[in-house]
Amino acid sequence: MKSTSVHFHANARAALNDPVLQDALKRLKAGFVVKRREALEGLPDFPAMREAASALKKHILDHLDIYLEQYEAAVRRQGGEVHWAEDAEQARRIVADLCQRQGLRRVLKGKTMVGEEVGLNEELEAAGLEVVETDLGEYIIQLAKEPPSHIIAPAIHKTRGQVGELFSNAHDNDMSGANAPELVAEARRVMRRHFLAGEVGITGANFLIAETGSNIIVTNEGNGDLSATLPKMHIVVAGIEKVVPTLEDATLLLRILARSATGQRMTSYTTLHTGPKRTSDRDGPNAYHVVLVDNGRSRMLTGPYRDMLHCIRCGACLNHCPVYGAIGGHAYGWVYPGPMGSVLTPLITGLDQAASLPQASSLCGRCEAVCPVAIPLPRMLRELRFDGFDQGHVSGRGLLRTWAFLACRPRLYRRISSLLLAAARGLARRGWLPALPGTGAWRRARDLPAPAAQSFSDWWRRRQ
């Protein structure tokens, strides 16, 4: 997927003026947020679990090379193969080569954000393969030729009528007036045919277990299980930060993942896959491959953004973010939206392509407060703002430099500010200022009140 993050401001304005999207975002606020709160009310030890999960992720990153090597050795003992991808291009090439080498064309794809990140579908389709998304939300946006708008609910921006229209155009049934159960039944009917014909199954991984070589996926539809077990070959595509030392460690993360994501105690399906089919197994893939993707993650390990690798992709920060709640996911212009995307996207695609995203936050701190692994997202957003300023990606640099110059000279600052405030008071009408030169973009969504008759400094000095 090509990033459009550089057009964030235009994307955001379009989202704010989209009544269908705004209606969908209202449902988001009433859904995931309420369910998460209710789920955590029944888990009084959540704060301690959150602290333990954060400590576990820190430990993993401190010893990431060791656990990745253990995981690779365990996968090979189970009869699988591990492939290392330094960047997105290499990840795409590895997966395409695995399919073409075996002459396999029909691909079932379970939900994988890393697959979206590296642009896997485009590469496979260009190589002549037929790719079908098996997660219902991902299937809907595949038909719509759109990227996901949420990391756990990719089609949350679509209405029932829009989904019915997409199904009518793609299937042999008229679903224009169908209700939700009818749409689900239609998707199941069509998907069953694909499941039986699939030759390659590609899934992501919520966690990779170093001690056993297993990968864990969590779903509510069961499509991940069918995608992994029915085809001849199973390919797991995952980021290197997904590794976890033991199964016991994974249970801690599983307990906080579903509650933070969908408000469930556990997802409907929590499945472990360990290698290819054995002689005693009745079904399963004949070949099992894991593609471990770096794509900038190693760079994060040694800098101020290391904590971003703690992320378990629950989506809680998106659900509670007032900015995401106002504009949705597509405005962010790439795979990862919301607060986590405002940090990840500049780090992966480059700050020159996404300098506006760290600015798209009120720094209210809700994202950090609800994160199940306590990622300091506001701190990293501030760091990226500093980086953007230093690299020349922030507008108004001249104005900021002028303000910094004056702020370091208190007497001059007071004199000039007094003159400016007096002029502003003279321009005010009924307590509000008219449009001023250089404030056009800022004023599009804000009103500018007239300054107070007395400055805080003067008030304080007289009070003393």
Protein backbone atom coordinates (compact mmCIF):
# COMPACT_ATOMS: atom_id res chain seq x y z
CA MET A 1 0.00 0.00 0.00
CA LYS A 2 1.38 3.39 -1.00
CA SER A 3 1.39 5.93 1.80
CA THR A 4 -0.67 9.12 1.45
CA SER A 5 0.32 10.41 4.89
CA VAL A 6 1.93 13.42 3.26
CA HIS A 7 -1.63 14.56 2.40
CA PHE A 8 -2.89 14.17 5.97
CA HIS A 9 -4.50 17.62 6.22
CA ALA A 10 -6.53 17.14 3.02
CA ASN A 11 -7.42 13.59 4.10
CA ALA A 12 -8.61 14.84 7.49
CA ARG A 13 -10.76 17.60 5.99
CA ALA A 14 -12.41 15.07 3.66
CA ALA A 15 -13.08 12.74 6.62
CA LEU A 16 -14.65 15.50 8.69
CA ASN A 17 -17.02 16.30 5.81
CA ASP A 18 -18.04 12.65 5.23
CA PRO A 19 -21.41 12.10 6.98
CA VAL A 20 -21.34 8.31 6.52
CA LEU A 21 -17.91 8.06 8.13
CA GLN A 22 -18.92 10.35 10.97
CA ASP A 23 -21.92 8.14 11.72
CA ALA A 24 -19.68 5.05 11.75
CA LEU A 25 -17.23 6.72 14.15
CA LYS A 26 -20.05 7.41 16.61
CA ARG A 27 -20.72 3.67 16.78
CA LEU A 28 -17.03 3.06 17.46
CA LYS A 29 -17.11 5.28 20.55
CA ALA A 30 -20.15 3.46 21.92
CA GLY A 31 -18.74 0.01 21.20
CA PHE A 32 -15.12 -0.85 21.94
CA VAL A 33 -14.67 1.80 24.63
CA VAL A 34 -17.63 0.66 26.72
CA LYS A 35 -16.86 -3.05 26.26
CA ARG A 36 -13.23 -2.58 27.29
CA ARG A 37 -14.24 -0.76 30.46
CA GLU A 38 -16.75 -3.46 31.39
CA ALA A 39 -14.20 -6.22 30.72
CA LEU A 40 -11.57 -4.60 32.93
CA GLU A 41 -14.02 -4.03 35.76
CA GLY A 42 -14.07 -7.81 36.14
CA LEU A 43 -10.28 -8.02 36.25
CA PRO A 44 -9.13 -6.22 39.43
CA ASP A 45 -5.50 -7.30 38.94
CA PHE A 46 -5.26 -5.61 35.54
CA PRO A 47 -2.86 -2.85 36.74
CA ALA A 48 -0.43 -5.48 38.02
CA MET A 49 -0.81 -7.50 34.81
CA ARG A 50 -0.16 -4.37 32.77
CA GLU A 51 3.03 -3.70 34.69
CA ALA A 52 4.13 -7.32 34.27
CA ALA A 53 3.38 -7.24 30.53
CA SER A 54 5.42 -4.07 30.09
CA ALA A 55 8.34 -5.61 31.99
CA LEU A 56 8.07 -8.78 29.88
CA LYS A 57 8.23 -6.82 26.61
CA LYS A 58 11.23 -4.87 27.88
CA HIS A 59 12.98 -8.13 28.78
CA ILE A 60 12.23 -9.56 25.33
CA LEU A 61 13.71 -6.55 23.54
CA ASP A 62 16.80 -6.67 25.76
CA HIS A 63 17.37 -10.26 24.60
CA LEU A 64 15.65 -10.18 21.22
CA ASP A 65 18.50 -11.79 19.28
CA ILE A 66 18.62 -14.74 21.68
CA TYR A 67 14.87 -15.42 21.57
CA LEU A 68 14.72 -15.10 17.78
CA GLU A 69 17.50 -17.67 17.40
CA GLN A 70 15.71 -19.98 19.84
CA TYR A 71 12.49 -19.58 17.88
CA GLU A 72 14.21 -20.33 14.57
CA ALA A 73 15.82 -23.48 15.99
CA ALA A 74 12.49 -24.65 17.45
CA VAL A 75 10.65 -24.12 14.14
CA ARG A 76 13.26 -26.17 12.32
CA ARG A 77 12.99 -28.97 14.89
CA GLN A 78 9.28 -29.09 14.13
CA GLY A 79 9.91 -29.43 10.40
CA GLY A 80 9.35 -25.82 9.37
CA GLU A 81 11.57 -23.20 7.76
CA VAL A 82 12.35 -19.63 8.84
CA HIS A 83 13.14 -16.83 6.39
CA TRP A 84 14.55 -13.43 7.38
CA ALA A 85 13.34 -10.31 5.56
CA GLU A 86 15.29 -7.11 6.10
CA ASP A 87 12.71 -4.88 4.43
CA ALA A 88 9.29 -4.92 2.76
CA GLU A 89 10.62 -5.73 -0.69
CA GLN A 90 12.50 -8.76 0.56
CA ALA A 91 9.46 -9.99 2.51
CA ARG A 92 7.27 -9.76 -0.59
CA ARG A 93 9.83 -11.55 -2.73
CA ILE A 94 10.27 -14.40 -0.26
CA VAL A 95 6.53 -15.11 -0.08
CA ALA A 96 6.04 -14.86 -3.85
CA ASP A 97 9.01 -17.17 -4.48
CA LEU A 98 7.69 -19.77 -2.03
CA CYS A 99 4.37 -19.88 -3.87
CA GLN A 100 5.82 -19.89 -7.38
CA ARG A 101 8.47 -22.51 -6.58
CA GLN A 102 5.72 -24.99 -5.72
CA GLY A 103 3.47 -23.93 -8.59
CA LEU A 104 0.72 -22.81 -6.20
CA ARG A 105 -1.61 -20.01 -7.34
CA ARG A 106 -4.66 -19.81 -5.08
CA VAL A 107 -3.84 -17.96 -1.86
CA LEU A 108 -5.99 -17.72 1.26
CA LYS A 109 -4.94 -14.81 3.40
CA GLY A 110 -5.78 -14.48 7.07
CA LYS A 111 -5.61 -11.11 8.76
CA THR A 112 -2.02 -9.84 8.98
CA MET A 113 -1.11 -6.21 9.57
CA VAL A 114 2.49 -6.95 8.61
CA GLY A 115 1.21 -8.29 5.31
CA GLU A 116 -0.53 -4.94 4.79
CA GLU A 117 2.63 -3.13 5.89
CA VAL A 118 4.84 -4.77 3.27
CA GLY A 119 2.23 -4.63 0.47
CA LEU A 120 1.96 -8.39 0.11
CA ASN A 121 -1.28 -8.60 -1.89
CA GLU A 122 -0.04 -6.32 -4.65
CA GLU A 123 3.14 -8.36 -5.11
CA LEU A 124 1.30 -11.69 -5.24
CA GLU A 125 -1.34 -10.46 -7.65
CA ALA A 126 1.35 -8.97 -9.91
CA ALA A 127 2.98 -12.43 -9.94
CA GLY A 128 -0.25 -13.93 -11.28
CA LEU A 129 -1.57 -15.40 -8.01
CA GLU A 130 -5.20 -15.23 -6.90
CA VAL A 131 -5.38 -13.74 -3.39
CA VAL A 132 -8.54 -13.86 -1.26
CA GLU A 133 -8.80 -12.19 2.13
CA THR A 134 -10.65 -14.56 4.47
CA ASP A 135 -11.29 -12.20 7.40
CA LEU A 136 -14.71 -10.66 6.74
CA GLY A 137 -13.60 -7.08 7.32
CA GLU A 138 -10.49 -7.54 5.18
CA TYR A 139 -12.57 -9.22 2.46
CA ILE A 140 -14.93 -6.24 2.39
CA ILE A 141 -12.14 -3.71 1.96
CA GLN A 142 -10.47 -5.97 -0.63
CA LEU A 143 -13.65 -5.76 -2.70
CA ALA A 144 -13.73 -2.00 -2.14
CA LYS A 145 -10.02 -1.73 -3.06
CA GLU A 146 -9.37 0.24 0.12
CA PRO A 147 -6.85 -0.07 2.95
CA PRO A 148 -8.04 -0.98 6.47
CA SER A 149 -9.35 1.90 8.55
CA HIS A 150 -8.76 0.20 11.92
CA ILE A 151 -6.22 -2.46 12.92
CA ILE A 152 -8.81 -4.81 14.46
CA ALA A 153 -11.96 -3.71 12.59
CA PRO A 154 -10.73 -2.91 9.09
CA ALA A 155 -14.18 -2.22 7.58
CA ILE A 156 -15.65 -0.29 10.50
CA HIS A 157 -16.18 2.70 8.20
CA LYS A 158 -18.54 0.76 5.92
CA THR A 159 -22.33 0.77 6.30
CA ARG A 160 -24.51 -2.29 5.80
CA GLY A 161 -25.81 -0.82 2.55
CA GLN A 162 -22.31 -0.29 1.20
CA VAL A 163 -21.35 -3.87 2.04
CA GLY A 164 -24.49 -5.14 0.33
CA GLU A 165 -23.62 -3.18 -2.80
CA LEU A 166 -20.07 -4.57 -2.81
CA PHE A 167 -21.38 -8.14 -2.47
CA SER A 168 -23.95 -7.58 -5.24
CA ASN A 169 -21.24 -6.41 -7.63
CA ALA A 170 -18.79 -9.22 -6.78
CA HIS A 171 -21.13 -12.20 -6.26
CA ASP A 172 -23.97 -13.77 -8.19
CA ASN A 173 -26.58 -12.64 -5.63
CA ASP A 174 -28.40 -9.32 -5.21
CA MET A 175 -27.58 -8.31 -1.62
CA SER A 176 -28.53 -4.64 -1.87
CA GLY A 177 -31.27 -4.87 0.77
CA ALA A 178 -29.73 -7.58 2.96
CA ASN A 179 -29.51 -7.32 6.72
CA ALA A 180 -26.37 -8.10 8.71
CA PRO A 181 -27.01 -11.87 9.27
CA GLU A 182 -27.79 -12.28 5.56
CA LEU A 183 -24.54 -10.53 4.61
CA VAL A 184 -22.56 -12.78 6.95
CA ALA A 185 -24.26 -15.87 5.50
CA GLU A 186 -23.44 -14.70 1.98
CA ALA A 187 -19.79 -14.16 2.89
CA ARG A 188 -19.67 -17.63 4.45
CA ARG A 189 -21.19 -19.19 1.32
CA VAL A 190 -18.67 -17.58 -1.00
CA MET A 191 -15.73 -18.07 1.34
CA ARG A 192 -16.39 -21.81 1.74
CA ARG A 193 -15.64 -22.28 -1.96
CA HIS A 194 -12.35 -20.45 -1.59
CA PHE A 195 -11.37 -22.42 1.52
CA LEU A 196 -11.82 -25.72 -0.31
CA ALA A 197 -9.82 -24.55 -3.35
CA GLY A 198 -7.01 -22.73 -1.52
CA GLU A 199 -3.45 -23.95 -2.09
CA VAL A 200 -1.47 -21.52 0.10
CA GLY A 201 -2.53 -20.10 3.45
CA ILE A 202 -0.91 -16.89 4.69
CA THR A 203 -1.54 -15.69 8.23
CA GLY A 204 -0.03 -13.25 10.63
CA ALA A 205 0.92 -14.05 14.20
CA ASN A 206 -0.07 -12.39 17.43
CA PHE A 207 2.80 -14.14 19.20
CA LEU A 208 5.73 -16.40 18.27
CA ILE A 209 6.79 -18.83 21.01
CA ALA A 210 10.56 -19.29 21.28
CA GLU A 211 10.45 -22.48 23.40
CA THR A 212 8.18 -24.46 21.05
CA GLY A 213 8.42 -22.79 17.63
CA SER A 214 4.65 -22.20 17.68
CA ASN A 215 2.76 -19.19 16.43
CA ILE A 216 -0.46 -18.00 18.03
CA ILE A 217 -3.30 -16.27 16.19
CA VAL A 218 -6.47 -14.91 17.74
CA THR A 219 -9.65 -14.46 15.68
CA ASN A 220 -13.40 -14.29 16.15
CA GLU A 221 -14.32 -15.94 12.85
CA GLY A 222 -12.16 -19.05 12.62
CA ASN A 223 -10.91 -18.00 9.21
CA GLY A 224 -7.32 -18.04 10.44
CA ASP A 225 -7.60 -21.72 11.41
CA LEU A 226 -9.03 -22.70 8.03
CA SER A 227 -6.45 -20.63 6.16
CA ALA A 228 -3.65 -22.34 8.07
CA THR A 229 -4.82 -25.95 8.01
CA LEU A 230 -6.63 -26.56 4.72
CA PRO A 231 -4.03 -25.46 2.10
CA LYS A 232 -0.90 -27.42 1.16
CA MET A 233 1.42 -24.72 2.48
CA HIS A 234 1.15 -22.38 5.47
CA ILE A 235 3.19 -19.16 5.48
CA VAL A 236 3.37 -17.04 8.63
CA VAL A 237 4.36 -13.38 8.13
CA ALA A 238 5.26 -11.58 11.35
CA GLY A 239 7.41 -8.79 12.75
CA ILE A 240 10.51 -9.77 14.71
CA GLU A 241 9.10 -8.14 17.86
CA LYS A 242 6.31 -10.75 18.09
CA VAL A 243 8.55 -13.37 19.70
CA VAL A 244 7.74 -14.39 23.30
CA PRO A 245 9.96 -16.66 25.44
CA THR A 246 7.44 -19.24 26.66
CA LEU A 247 3.82 -20.32 26.41
CA GLU A 248 3.31 -19.14 29.98
CA ASP A 249 4.47 -15.66 28.97
CA ALA A 250 2.02 -15.69 26.07
CA THR A 251 -0.91 -16.40 28.42
CA LEU A 252 -0.24 -13.13 30.25
CA LEU A 253 -0.38 -11.17 27.00
CA LEU A 254 -3.45 -13.06 25.78
CA ARG A 255 -5.38 -12.14 28.94
CA ILE A 256 -4.87 -8.43 28.37
CA LEU A 257 -5.06 -8.47 24.55
CA ALA A 258 -8.72 -9.41 23.99
CA ARG A 259 -9.97 -7.29 26.87
CA SER A 260 -8.14 -4.25 25.53
CA ALA A 261 -9.14 -4.87 21.91
CA THR A 262 -12.77 -6.00 21.81
CA GLY A 263 -13.75 -6.19 25.47
CA GLN A 264 -13.81 -10.01 25.44
CA ARG A 265 -12.22 -12.20 28.10
CA MET A 266 -10.81 -14.29 25.24
CA THR A 267 -11.39 -14.23 21.51
CA SER A 268 -13.56 -16.96 20.01
CA TYR A 269 -10.53 -18.73 18.53
CA THR A 270 -7.04 -18.75 20.06
CA THR A 271 -5.00 -21.19 17.99
CA LEU A 272 -1.42 -22.48 18.10
CA HIS A 273 0.27 -23.75 14.95
CA THR A 274 3.51 -25.69 15.29
CA GLY A 275 5.13 -26.84 12.08
CA PRO A 276 3.71 -28.81 9.14
CA LYS A 277 1.44 -31.86 9.26
CA ARG A 278 2.90 -34.95 10.92
CA THR A 279 2.27 -38.48 9.72
CA SER A 280 -0.26 -39.01 12.51
CA ASP A 281 -2.21 -35.80 11.74
CA ARG A 282 -5.45 -36.09 9.79
CA ASP A 283 -5.07 -32.64 8.22
CA GLY A 284 -2.71 -29.70 8.06
CA PRO A 285 -0.21 -28.20 5.61
CA ASN A 286 2.60 -30.23 4.08
CA ALA A 287 4.97 -27.26 4.30
CA TYR A 288 5.31 -24.61 7.01
CA HIS A 289 7.27 -21.37 6.53
CA VAL A 290 7.78 -18.32 8.77
CA VAL A 291 8.87 -14.98 7.31
CA LEU A 292 10.33 -12.76 10.05
CA VAL A 293 10.13 -9.12 8.98
CA ASP A 294 12.44 -6.38 10.23
CA ASN A 295 11.47 -3.39 8.04
CA GLY A 296 12.95 -0.77 10.36
CA ARG A 297 12.36 -2.51 13.67
CA SER A 298 16.07 -3.02 14.36
CA ARG A 299 16.59 0.74 14.05
CA MET A 300 13.91 1.34 16.68
CA LEU A 301 15.73 -0.92 19.14
CA THR A 302 18.58 1.52 19.70
CA GLY A 303 16.75 4.84 19.85
CA PRO A 304 14.09 6.78 21.76
CA TYR A 305 11.30 4.84 20.01
CA ARG A 306 12.23 1.41 21.35
CA ASP A 307 9.07 1.18 23.46
CA MET A 308 6.96 1.21 20.29
CA LEU A 309 8.07 -2.39 19.76
CA HIS A 310 6.08 -3.32 22.89
CA CYS A 311 2.85 -2.87 20.90
CA ILE A 312 0.57 -5.94 20.76
CA ARG A 313 -1.80 -4.37 18.18
CA CYS A 314 -4.91 -4.28 20.36
CA GLY A 315 -6.21 -0.98 18.97
CA ALA A 316 -7.13 0.48 22.37
CA CYS A 317 -5.22 3.69 21.66
CA LEU A 318 -7.24 4.19 18.45
CA ASN A 319 -10.55 3.59 20.19
CA HIS A 320 -9.86 6.19 22.88
CA CYS A 321 -8.11 8.83 20.75
CA PRO A 322 -10.20 12.00 20.17
CA VAL A 323 -8.38 12.68 16.89
CA TYR A 324 -8.95 9.18 15.48
CA GLY A 325 -12.55 9.42 16.75
CA ALA A 326 -13.05 12.54 14.65
CA ILE A 327 -11.38 11.53 11.36
CA GLY A 328 -11.11 7.71 11.29
CA GLY A 329 -8.24 5.65 9.96
CA HIS A 330 -7.94 6.49 6.26
CA ALA A 331 -6.96 10.09 6.97
CA TYR A 332 -3.65 8.85 8.38
CA GLY A 333 -2.78 7.60 4.92
CA TRP A 334 -1.17 4.25 5.68
CA VAL A 335 -1.65 0.87 7.35
CA TYR A 336 -1.33 2.01 10.96
CA PRO A 337 -3.67 4.83 12.08
CA GLY A 338 -4.31 6.57 15.39
CA PRO A 339 -1.66 7.27 18.04
CA MET A 340 0.30 4.07 17.40
CA GLY A 341 0.28 4.84 13.68
CA SER A 342 1.37 8.42 14.27
CA VAL A 343 4.53 6.96 15.80
CA LEU A 344 5.03 3.85 13.64
CA THR A 345 4.32 5.36 10.23
CA PRO A 346 7.05 8.05 10.34
CA LEU A 347 9.52 5.47 11.67
CA ILE A 348 8.81 2.99 8.86
CA THR A 349 7.96 5.15 5.84
CA GLY A 350 10.13 8.14 6.79
CA LEU A 351 9.41 11.38 8.61
CA ASP A 352 9.53 13.28 5.32
CA GLN A 353 6.42 11.33 4.24
CA ALA A 354 4.51 11.56 7.53
CA ALA A 355 5.65 14.66 9.42
CA SER A 356 2.04 15.76 10.00
CA LEU A 357 1.05 12.62 11.90
CA PRO A 358 2.91 13.36 15.18
CA GLN A 359 1.20 16.77 15.12
CA ALA A 360 -2.22 15.07 14.90
CA SER A 361 -2.55 14.65 18.64
CA SER A 362 -3.76 16.75 21.53
CA LEU A 363 -1.26 14.89 23.78
CA CYS A 364 -4.14 14.28 26.18
CA GLY A 365 -2.52 11.01 27.31
CA ARG A 366 -5.54 8.74 26.93
CA CYS A 367 -3.59 6.46 24.58
CA GLU A 368 -0.92 5.80 27.19
CA ALA A 369 -3.50 5.44 29.95
CA VAL A 370 -5.37 2.63 28.14
CA CYS A 371 -2.38 0.87 26.56
CA PRO A 372 -2.16 -2.66 28.06
CA VAL A 373 1.66 -2.59 27.88
CA ALA A 374 2.03 1.06 29.00
CA ILE A 375 3.67 2.44 25.85
CA PRO A 376 4.57 6.14 26.40
CA LEU A 377 2.97 7.28 23.15
CA PRO A 378 2.71 11.01 24.05
CA ARG A 379 6.43 11.13 24.84
CA MET A 380 7.32 9.56 21.49
CA LEU A 381 4.95 11.88 19.62
CA ARG A 382 6.77 14.83 21.19
CA GLU A 383 10.14 13.32 20.22
CA LEU A 384 8.95 12.98 16.62
CA ARG A 385 7.81 16.59 16.64
CA PHE A 386 11.30 17.62 17.72
CA ASP A 387 12.79 15.44 14.97
CA GLY A 388 10.44 16.94 12.40
CA PHE A 389 11.41 20.45 13.44
CA ASP A 390 15.14 19.65 13.31
CA GLN A 391 14.77 18.10 9.84
CA GLY A 392 12.80 21.04 8.47
CA HIS A 393 9.48 19.25 8.07
CA VAL A 394 7.48 21.58 10.36
CA SER A 395 5.83 24.73 9.00
CA GLY A 396 6.16 28.00 10.91
CA ARG A 397 9.81 27.46 11.79
CA GLY A 398 10.55 31.16 11.31
CA LEU A 399 7.75 32.15 13.68
CA LEU A 400 8.93 29.65 16.28
CA ARG A 401 12.51 30.89 16.01
CA THR A 402 11.31 34.48 16.47
CA TRP A 403 9.34 33.48 19.54
CA ALA A 404 12.36 31.58 20.96
CA PHE A 405 14.57 34.61 20.39
CA LEU A 406 12.16 36.88 22.27
CA ALA A 407 11.43 34.34 25.02
CA CYS A 408 15.13 34.31 25.89
CA ARG A 409 15.06 38.12 26.36
CA PRO A 410 12.36 38.84 28.94
CA ARG A 411 12.46 42.64 28.82
CA LEU A 412 12.18 42.76 25.03
CA TYR A 413 9.52 40.05 25.15
CA ARG A 414 7.39 42.07 27.58
CA ARG A 415 7.64 45.25 25.53
CA ILE A 416 6.74 43.67 22.22
CA SER A 417 4.00 41.48 23.68
CA SER A 418 2.45 44.51 25.37
CA LEU A 419 2.32 46.33 22.03
CA LEU A 420 0.86 43.32 20.23
CA LEU A 421 -1.74 42.69 22.93
CA ALA A 422 -2.82 46.31 22.90
CA ALA A 423 -3.22 46.19 19.12
CA ALA A 424 -5.19 42.95 19.36
CA ARG A 425 -7.56 44.42 21.95
CA GLY A 426 -8.16 47.34 19.61
CA LEU A 427 -9.09 44.98 16.77
CA ALA A 428 -11.43 42.83 18.87
CA ARG A 429 -15.18 42.88 18.23
CA ARG A 430 -17.51 41.54 20.93
CA GLY A 431 -14.72 39.61 22.57
CA TRP A 432 -13.39 37.90 19.42
CA LEU A 433 -10.61 38.72 16.99
CA PRO A 434 -11.13 38.86 13.22
CA ALA A 435 -8.89 36.97 10.82
CA LEU A 436 -5.29 38.01 11.23
CA PRO A 437 -2.44 37.67 8.71
CA GLY A 438 -0.81 34.23 8.86
CA THR A 439 -3.60 32.56 10.86
CA GLY A 440 -5.77 31.32 7.98
CA ALA A 441 -5.03 27.59 8.37
CA TRP A 442 -5.23 27.77 12.15
CA ARG A 443 -8.54 29.67 12.05
CA ARG A 444 -10.31 27.22 9.74
CA ALA A 445 -11.36 25.12 12.73
CA ARG A 446 -10.95 27.58 15.62
CA ASP A 447 -12.16 30.93 16.91
CA LEU A 448 -9.64 33.35 18.38
CA PRO A 449 -10.79 35.14 21.55
CA ALA A 450 -9.57 38.64 22.32
CA PRO A 451 -6.72 38.78 24.86
CA ALA A 452 -7.60 39.59 28.47
CA ALA A 453 -7.42 43.18 29.58
CA GLN A 454 -4.59 42.31 31.95
CA SER A 455 -1.75 39.82 31.35
CA PHE A 456 -1.02 37.09 33.85
CA SER A 457 2.43 38.58 34.52
CA ASP A 458 0.92 41.97 35.38
CA TRP A 459 -1.74 40.35 37.53
CA TRP A 460 0.87 38.32 39.40
CA ARG A 461 3.17 41.28 39.91
CA ARG A 462 0.35 43.38 41.40
CA ARG A 463 -0.82 40.50 43.56
CA GLN A 464 2.67 40.18 45.01
